[in-house]
Amino acid sequence: MCAAALGLGLTGAALSPEGLAASTTSTATKRGPGWINPERLEAFFELMRLRHGMEPDWLNARFQVLTQQDRALALTNPPPDRPAADRPLPSLSRRLARNLDERTVREGRQLLVSQALFLERAEDLYGVPPEVIVGILGVETRYGRITGNFRALDTLASLGFQGERRRDFFLKELESLLVMGRRGDIDLLKSAGSFAGALGIPQFMPSSWQAWGVDFDQDGRVDLINSMADAMGSVANFLKSHGWKRDIPSFAPLRLRPRDDPSDFLVTRLKAEHRLGDIDRAFPIPKSWRSLSEDLPASLIRLPEPDAAPVYWLVSENFFAVTHYNRSYLYAASVLSLARAIT
């Protein structure tokens, strides 16, 4: 990316909106909507000029039509004093019930058939099985049926300039979105997505679209909003780039004996930190895993089940590749369980 090549990190003091504000205060003009601090907006415009050669008039025309997205602000900045009793406890069974309903499984199976050519090509190129690609699209957007109705330009500007958390992250995504709009990749005034600014069938953030988007239908452009083929190829490219290994199982539920203590092999981070051979010597693992290398990175994870005994899974690097899509064990468990259910 251009910014990386130039070494202009968005959060760097010299070129962050806050860092530039001091140098642009004296020349700040009234631009954009009134709910954005004019000094921070002027600093952002200067950043976009320096990095991407964007003229202030072009930016101002887009910012003049912004609407503050209060709903997105509320969803990404929940009140810190919300009573614990009002927050549902995480539960594997409830998450799977939500994501493996009859319609989602049925439509996933249909997609495996209707998109078989693209899915097989994605597996050939990236090593990701078709059912895993479809599993992500099913959990994310129900295969493109539910992609969000928050205009991305409004959402990212609101979160970047008005949000209470991760402002720099959302400003970086706003930067990527504007670059895509200026290049003609998307329509800035029409493109809608999630309350956090994720777009299209695979729900890629703008920077992920730029980094891992693939023109898989070979029509000359990456279109993650309308092209199922592009969405599938891009998901596979993302997973391979984040550690997916061909022909390696991703998970297996474990039935531990009463005397078994899994604590030595449990992880809470997004990485396999042990050797499969060591786990095999401590616990009964599935026979299908015993043919794999003893040096295969693997670990155990505990999945929450507040109304029952804890659930333990044996997982490989492929499980953690999915967590880079969404940093949640329950998310990855949903994707991979759906993948298993549709095959």
Protein backbone atom coordinates (compact mmCIF):
# COMPACT_ATOMS: atom_id res chain seq x y z
CA MET A 1 0.00 0.00 0.00
CA CYS A 2 1.09 3.56 -0.68
CA ALA A 3 1.05 4.64 2.96
CA ALA A 4 3.18 1.68 4.07
CA ALA A 5 5.67 2.30 1.30
CA LEU A 6 6.04 5.90 2.37
CA GLY A 7 6.23 4.97 6.06
CA LEU A 8 3.30 7.24 6.89
CA GLY A 9 1.52 5.37 9.69
CA LEU A 10 -1.88 6.87 10.41
CA THR A 11 -1.19 6.92 14.12
CA GLY A 12 2.23 8.51 13.72
CA ALA A 13 2.54 11.82 15.48
CA ALA A 14 3.61 13.72 12.38
CA LEU A 15 0.71 12.74 10.16
CA SER A 16 -2.11 11.73 12.46
CA PRO A 17 -5.14 14.05 12.39
CA GLU A 18 -4.28 15.13 15.93
CA GLY A 19 -0.63 15.66 15.05
CA LEU A 20 -1.47 17.75 12.02
CA ALA A 21 -4.14 19.78 13.80
CA ALA A 22 -1.66 22.09 15.43
CA SER A 23 -0.08 23.01 12.10
CA THR A 24 -3.39 23.58 10.30
CA THR A 25 -5.38 25.42 12.95
CA SER A 26 -4.54 28.85 11.62
CA THR A 27 -5.69 27.98 8.09
CA ALA A 28 -8.68 25.83 8.97
CA THR A 29 -11.76 26.68 6.94
CA LYS A 30 -15.36 25.65 7.43
CA ARG A 31 -15.60 22.26 5.78
CA GLY A 32 -17.79 19.26 6.28
CA PRO A 33 -20.68 18.85 8.71
CA GLY A 34 -20.87 20.84 11.92
CA TRP A 35 -20.60 17.75 14.12
CA ILE A 36 -16.97 17.17 13.15
CA ASN A 37 -14.33 19.26 14.91
CA PRO A 38 -13.05 21.59 12.14
CA GLU A 39 -9.41 21.37 13.26
CA ARG A 40 -9.42 17.57 13.20
CA LEU A 41 -11.21 17.59 9.85
CA GLU A 42 -8.70 20.01 8.37
CA ALA A 43 -5.89 17.82 9.65
CA PHE A 44 -7.49 14.76 8.04
CA PHE A 45 -7.84 16.61 4.73
CA GLU A 46 -4.16 17.53 4.89
CA LEU A 47 -3.24 13.93 5.61
CA MET A 48 -5.22 12.77 2.56
CA ARG A 49 -3.53 15.41 0.41
CA LEU A 50 -0.05 14.39 1.50
CA ARG A 51 -0.61 10.65 1.21
CA HIS A 52 -2.91 10.36 -1.75
CA GLY A 53 -2.91 13.70 -3.55
CA MET A 54 -6.61 14.25 -2.80
CA GLU A 55 -7.77 17.83 -3.27
CA PRO A 56 -9.69 19.40 -0.38
CA ASP A 57 -12.56 20.38 -2.69
CA TRP A 58 -13.12 16.73 -3.70
CA LEU A 59 -13.07 15.63 -0.07
CA ASN A 60 -15.28 18.51 1.05
CA ALA A 61 -17.94 17.60 -1.51
CA ARG A 62 -18.18 14.12 0.03
CA PHE A 63 -18.05 15.32 3.63
CA GLN A 64 -20.78 17.91 3.09
CA VAL A 65 -23.34 15.14 2.62
CA LEU A 66 -22.34 13.16 5.71
CA THR A 67 -24.92 12.19 8.30
CA GLN A 68 -23.79 11.41 11.84
CA GLN A 69 -24.50 7.74 12.41
CA ASP A 70 -25.75 7.73 16.00
CA ARG A 71 -26.85 4.10 15.89
CA ALA A 72 -23.37 2.95 14.87
CA LEU A 73 -21.86 5.08 17.64
CA ALA A 74 -24.16 3.48 20.18
CA LEU A 75 -23.46 -0.06 19.00
CA THR A 76 -19.66 0.35 19.02
CA ASN A 77 -19.54 2.36 22.25
CA PRO A 78 -21.83 0.54 24.73
CA PRO A 79 -22.27 2.16 28.12
CA PRO A 80 -19.54 0.94 30.49
CA ASP A 81 -21.92 0.71 33.44
CA ARG A 82 -24.32 -1.75 31.82
CA PRO A 83 -25.29 -4.25 34.55
CA ALA A 84 -23.72 -7.67 34.18
CA ALA A 85 -27.17 -9.25 34.53
CA ASP A 86 -28.22 -7.56 31.26
CA ARG A 87 -25.37 -9.16 29.31
CA PRO A 88 -26.02 -12.73 28.12
CA LEU A 89 -23.27 -15.16 29.01
CA PRO A 90 -21.31 -16.53 26.04
CA SER A 91 -22.54 -19.97 25.06
CA LEU A 92 -21.37 -22.34 22.35
CA SER A 93 -24.74 -24.06 22.04
CA ARG A 94 -26.63 -20.78 21.70
CA ARG A 95 -24.16 -19.49 19.12
CA LEU A 96 -24.42 -22.67 17.08
CA ALA A 97 -28.21 -22.65 17.30
CA ARG A 98 -28.19 -19.16 15.83
CA ASN A 99 -25.74 -19.89 13.02
CA LEU A 100 -26.65 -23.47 12.12
CA ASP A 101 -30.38 -23.03 11.66
CA GLU A 102 -32.15 -25.08 9.01
CA ARG A 103 -32.22 -22.33 6.36
CA THR A 104 -28.54 -21.43 6.73
CA VAL A 105 -27.47 -25.07 6.42
CA ARG A 106 -29.76 -25.68 3.45
CA GLU A 107 -28.62 -22.57 1.57
CA GLY A 108 -24.99 -23.38 2.33
CA ARG A 109 -25.36 -26.78 0.71
CA GLN A 110 -27.00 -25.19 -2.31
CA LEU A 111 -24.15 -22.69 -2.63
CA LEU A 112 -21.57 -25.48 -2.55
CA VAL A 113 -23.25 -26.90 -5.66
CA SER A 114 -24.06 -23.69 -7.54
CA GLN A 115 -20.60 -22.16 -7.03
CA ALA A 116 -18.61 -25.39 -7.27
CA LEU A 117 -16.32 -24.19 -10.06
CA PHE A 118 -15.22 -21.04 -8.22
CA LEU A 119 -14.92 -22.89 -4.91
CA GLU A 120 -12.79 -25.64 -6.42
CA ARG A 121 -10.53 -23.06 -8.05
CA ALA A 122 -10.18 -21.24 -4.73
CA GLU A 123 -9.18 -24.48 -3.04
CA ASP A 124 -6.64 -25.20 -5.77
CA LEU A 125 -5.06 -21.76 -5.43
CA TYR A 126 -5.26 -21.18 -1.67
CA GLY A 127 -5.75 -24.59 -0.08
CA VAL A 128 -8.97 -23.60 1.71
CA PRO A 129 -11.81 -26.16 1.45
CA PRO A 130 -15.05 -24.98 -0.20
CA GLU A 131 -17.13 -25.63 2.91
CA VAL A 132 -14.93 -23.33 5.03
CA ILE A 133 -15.28 -20.48 2.53
CA VAL A 134 -19.05 -20.98 2.46
CA GLY A 135 -19.11 -21.27 6.27
CA ILE A 136 -17.61 -17.80 6.65
CA LEU A 137 -20.06 -16.29 4.16
CA GLY A 138 -22.94 -18.00 5.95
CA VAL A 139 -22.02 -16.69 9.38
CA GLU A 140 -21.09 -13.22 8.11
CA THR A 141 -24.01 -12.33 5.86
CA ARG A 142 -26.10 -15.45 5.27
CA TYR A 143 -24.40 -15.74 1.87
CA GLY A 144 -24.86 -12.10 0.98
CA ARG A 145 -28.49 -11.83 2.04
CA ILE A 146 -27.83 -9.58 5.07
CA THR A 147 -24.96 -7.16 4.43
CA GLY A 148 -26.01 -4.15 6.51
CA ASN A 149 -27.73 -0.86 5.74
CA PHE A 150 -25.34 1.64 7.34
CA ARG A 151 -23.80 3.87 4.69
CA ALA A 152 -20.09 3.18 5.10
CA LEU A 153 -18.98 6.78 4.56
CA ASP A 154 -21.28 8.03 7.34
CA THR A 155 -20.36 5.17 9.65
CA LEU A 156 -16.58 5.40 9.40
CA ALA A 157 -16.58 9.19 9.64
CA SER A 158 -18.82 9.04 12.71
CA LEU A 159 -16.70 6.40 14.43
CA GLY A 160 -13.43 8.05 13.42
CA PHE A 161 -14.28 11.58 14.46
CA GLN A 162 -16.93 11.06 17.14
CA GLY A 163 -16.38 7.58 18.55
CA GLU A 164 -14.99 6.92 21.99
CA ARG A 165 -12.97 3.83 21.07
CA ARG A 166 -10.42 3.00 18.35
CA ARG A 167 -10.66 6.33 16.56
CA ASP A 168 -7.36 5.82 14.77
CA PHE A 169 -8.51 2.43 13.48
CA PHE A 170 -11.72 3.85 12.02
CA LEU A 171 -9.94 6.86 10.52
CA LYS A 172 -7.56 4.44 8.80
CA GLU A 173 -10.57 2.57 7.41
CA LEU A 174 -12.13 5.87 6.33
CA GLU A 175 -8.88 6.67 4.52
CA SER A 176 -9.02 3.33 2.68
CA LEU A 177 -12.69 3.84 1.82
CA LEU A 178 -12.01 7.25 0.31
CA VAL A 179 -9.11 5.89 -1.72
CA MET A 180 -11.40 3.16 -3.08
CA GLY A 181 -14.08 5.72 -3.88
CA ARG A 182 -11.68 8.06 -5.64
CA ARG A 183 -10.37 5.12 -7.70
CA GLY A 184 -13.90 4.12 -8.68
CA ASP A 185 -13.93 0.78 -6.87
CA ILE A 186 -17.10 1.64 -4.95
CA ASP A 187 -19.82 4.30 -4.92
CA LEU A 188 -19.16 6.31 -1.76
CA LEU A 189 -22.69 7.67 -1.61
CA LYS A 190 -24.43 4.32 -1.98
CA SER A 191 -22.17 1.65 -0.44
CA ALA A 192 -23.68 0.35 2.80
CA GLY A 193 -22.47 -2.20 5.29
CA SER A 194 -22.31 -3.08 8.97
CA PHE A 195 -22.41 -0.69 11.92
CA ALA A 196 -18.61 -0.95 12.05
CA GLY A 197 -18.05 -0.20 8.35
CA ALA A 198 -17.59 -3.75 7.02
CA LEU A 199 -18.69 -4.18 3.42
CA GLY A 200 -20.17 -6.69 1.06
CA ILE A 201 -20.79 -10.42 0.98
CA PRO A 202 -17.68 -11.26 3.07
CA GLN A 203 -17.91 -8.16 5.32
CA PHE A 204 -14.38 -6.91 4.62
CA MET A 205 -13.27 -3.66 6.15
CA PRO A 206 -12.00 -1.26 3.44
CA SER A 207 -8.33 -1.89 4.25
CA SER A 208 -8.92 -5.66 4.05
CA TRP A 209 -10.69 -5.18 0.70
CA GLN A 210 -7.58 -3.39 -0.55
CA ALA A 211 -5.16 -5.93 0.89
CA TRP A 212 -6.88 -9.27 0.18
CA GLY A 213 -9.65 -8.55 -2.34
CA VAL A 214 -9.38 -10.73 -5.45
CA ASP A 215 -10.94 -10.27 -8.89
CA PHE A 216 -11.89 -13.94 -8.93
CA ASP A 217 -14.46 -13.71 -11.74
CA GLN A 218 -11.83 -11.89 -13.84
CA ASP A 219 -14.10 -9.07 -14.97
CA GLY A 220 -11.45 -6.41 -14.36
CA ARG A 221 -12.48 -5.22 -10.88
CA VAL A 222 -12.76 -6.47 -7.32
CA ASP A 223 -16.44 -6.33 -6.38
CA LEU A 224 -17.20 -7.76 -2.97
CA ILE A 225 -20.68 -6.27 -2.91
CA ASN A 226 -22.16 -7.98 -5.97
CA SER A 227 -19.78 -10.76 -7.03
CA MET A 228 -20.05 -14.04 -5.14
CA ALA A 229 -16.96 -15.30 -6.99
CA ASP A 230 -14.88 -12.32 -5.85
CA ALA A 231 -16.13 -12.79 -2.29
CA MET A 232 -15.15 -16.46 -2.28
CA GLY A 233 -11.71 -15.91 -3.75
CA SER A 234 -11.05 -13.05 -1.35
CA VAL A 235 -12.03 -15.08 1.72
CA ALA A 236 -9.71 -17.89 0.64
CA ASN A 237 -6.89 -15.41 -0.01
CA PHE A 238 -7.41 -13.87 3.44
CA LEU A 239 -7.33 -17.21 5.23
CA LYS A 240 -4.20 -18.40 3.43
CA SER A 241 -2.51 -15.09 4.22
CA HIS A 242 -3.36 -15.59 7.89
CA GLY A 243 -1.94 -19.08 8.25
CA TRP A 244 -4.38 -21.57 6.73
CA LYS A 245 -2.56 -24.79 5.82
CA ARG A 246 -3.74 -27.15 3.10
CA ASP A 247 -5.04 -30.60 4.14
CA ILE A 248 -4.78 -29.99 7.88
CA PRO A 249 -7.90 -30.48 10.06
CA SER A 250 -9.01 -27.41 11.94
CA PHE A 251 -10.69 -28.85 15.04
CA ALA A 252 -11.93 -31.93 16.83
CA PRO A 253 -14.09 -32.04 19.98
CA LEU A 254 -12.40 -33.85 22.85
CA ARG A 255 -14.04 -36.12 25.37
CA LEU A 256 -11.82 -35.86 28.40
CA ARG A 257 -11.77 -38.48 31.10
CA PRO A 258 -12.47 -37.40 34.70
CA ARG A 259 -8.81 -37.75 35.55
CA ASP A 260 -7.63 -35.61 32.60
CA ASP A 261 -6.29 -32.13 33.33
CA PRO A 262 -6.21 -30.04 30.11
CA SER A 263 -4.65 -26.94 31.69
CA ASP A 264 -1.12 -27.61 30.39
CA PHE A 265 -2.34 -27.44 26.79
CA LEU A 266 -5.02 -24.74 27.02
CA VAL A 267 -4.52 -21.43 25.21
CA THR A 268 -6.40 -18.15 25.32
CA ARG A 269 -4.53 -16.37 22.55
CA LEU A 270 -4.91 -16.66 18.79
CA LYS A 271 -2.10 -19.12 18.27
CA ALA A 272 -1.40 -22.86 18.54
CA GLU A 273 1.36 -23.08 21.16
CA HIS A 274 1.95 -26.83 21.61
CA ARG A 275 2.91 -29.97 19.66
CA LEU A 276 0.30 -32.49 18.60
CA GLY A 277 2.54 -35.34 19.72
CA ASP A 278 2.68 -34.00 23.28
CA ILE A 279 -1.10 -33.65 23.39
CA ASP A 280 -1.53 -37.16 22.02
CA ARG A 281 0.57 -38.57 24.82
CA ALA A 282 -1.59 -36.81 27.43
CA PHE A 283 -5.12 -37.31 26.08
CA PRO A 284 -7.06 -39.59 23.73
CA ILE A 285 -7.18 -37.65 20.45
CA PRO A 286 -9.15 -38.65 17.32
CA LYS A 287 -7.57 -41.40 15.22
CA SER A 288 -7.67 -39.17 12.14
CA TRP A 289 -5.23 -36.78 13.84
CA ARG A 290 -2.73 -39.48 14.76
CA SER A 291 -1.55 -39.76 11.17
CA LEU A 292 -0.39 -36.14 11.28
CA SER A 293 3.11 -35.02 12.20
CA GLU A 294 3.89 -35.02 15.91
CA ASP A 295 5.38 -31.55 15.38
CA LEU A 296 2.13 -30.10 14.06
CA PRO A 297 1.29 -26.95 16.06
CA ALA A 298 -1.87 -27.61 18.05
CA SER A 299 -3.50 -26.67 21.34
CA LEU A 300 -6.67 -27.09 23.34
CA ILE A 301 -9.31 -24.40 23.76
CA ARG A 302 -12.22 -24.20 26.17
CA LEU A 303 -15.53 -23.02 24.73
CA PRO A 304 -18.04 -21.50 27.15
CA GLU A 305 -21.18 -23.38 28.07
CA PRO A 306 -22.60 -21.75 31.21
CA ASP A 307 -25.40 -24.27 31.68
CA ALA A 308 -23.29 -27.40 31.17
CA ALA A 309 -19.79 -28.77 31.51
CA PRO A 310 -17.03 -26.92 29.62
CA VAL A 311 -16.44 -27.95 26.03
CA TYR A 312 -12.86 -28.65 24.95
CA TRP A 313 -11.63 -28.70 21.36
CA LEU A 314 -8.34 -29.80 19.90
CA VAL A 315 -7.44 -27.11 17.35
CA SER A 316 -4.74 -26.50 14.76
CA GLU A 317 -3.35 -23.39 13.10
CA ASN A 318 -6.32 -23.46 10.73
CA PHE A 319 -8.72 -22.76 13.58
CA PHE A 320 -6.68 -19.69 14.49
CA ALA A 321 -6.56 -18.55 10.86
CA VAL A 322 -10.35 -18.14 11.11
CA THR A 323 -10.02 -16.11 14.32
CA HIS A 324 -8.10 -13.49 12.35
CA TYR A 325 -11.36 -12.86 10.52
CA ASN A 326 -13.06 -12.24 13.85
CA ARG A 327 -11.06 -12.47 17.07
CA SER A 328 -13.44 -14.86 18.82
CA TYR A 329 -13.23 -18.57 19.53
CA LEU A 330 -17.03 -18.78 19.31
CA TYR A 331 -16.95 -17.13 15.89
CA ALA A 332 -14.41 -19.63 14.56
CA ALA A 333 -16.34 -22.48 16.16
CA SER A 334 -19.51 -21.31 14.40
CA VAL A 335 -17.81 -21.02 11.00
CA LEU A 336 -16.15 -24.42 11.21
CA SER A 337 -19.22 -26.13 12.64
CA LEU A 338 -21.32 -24.72 9.80
CA ALA A 339 -18.68 -25.90 7.33
CA ARG A 340 -18.98 -29.41 8.77
CA ALA A 341 -22.80 -29.29 8.76
CA ILE A 342 -23.11 -28.44 5.06
CA THR A 343 -20.84 -31.26 3.84
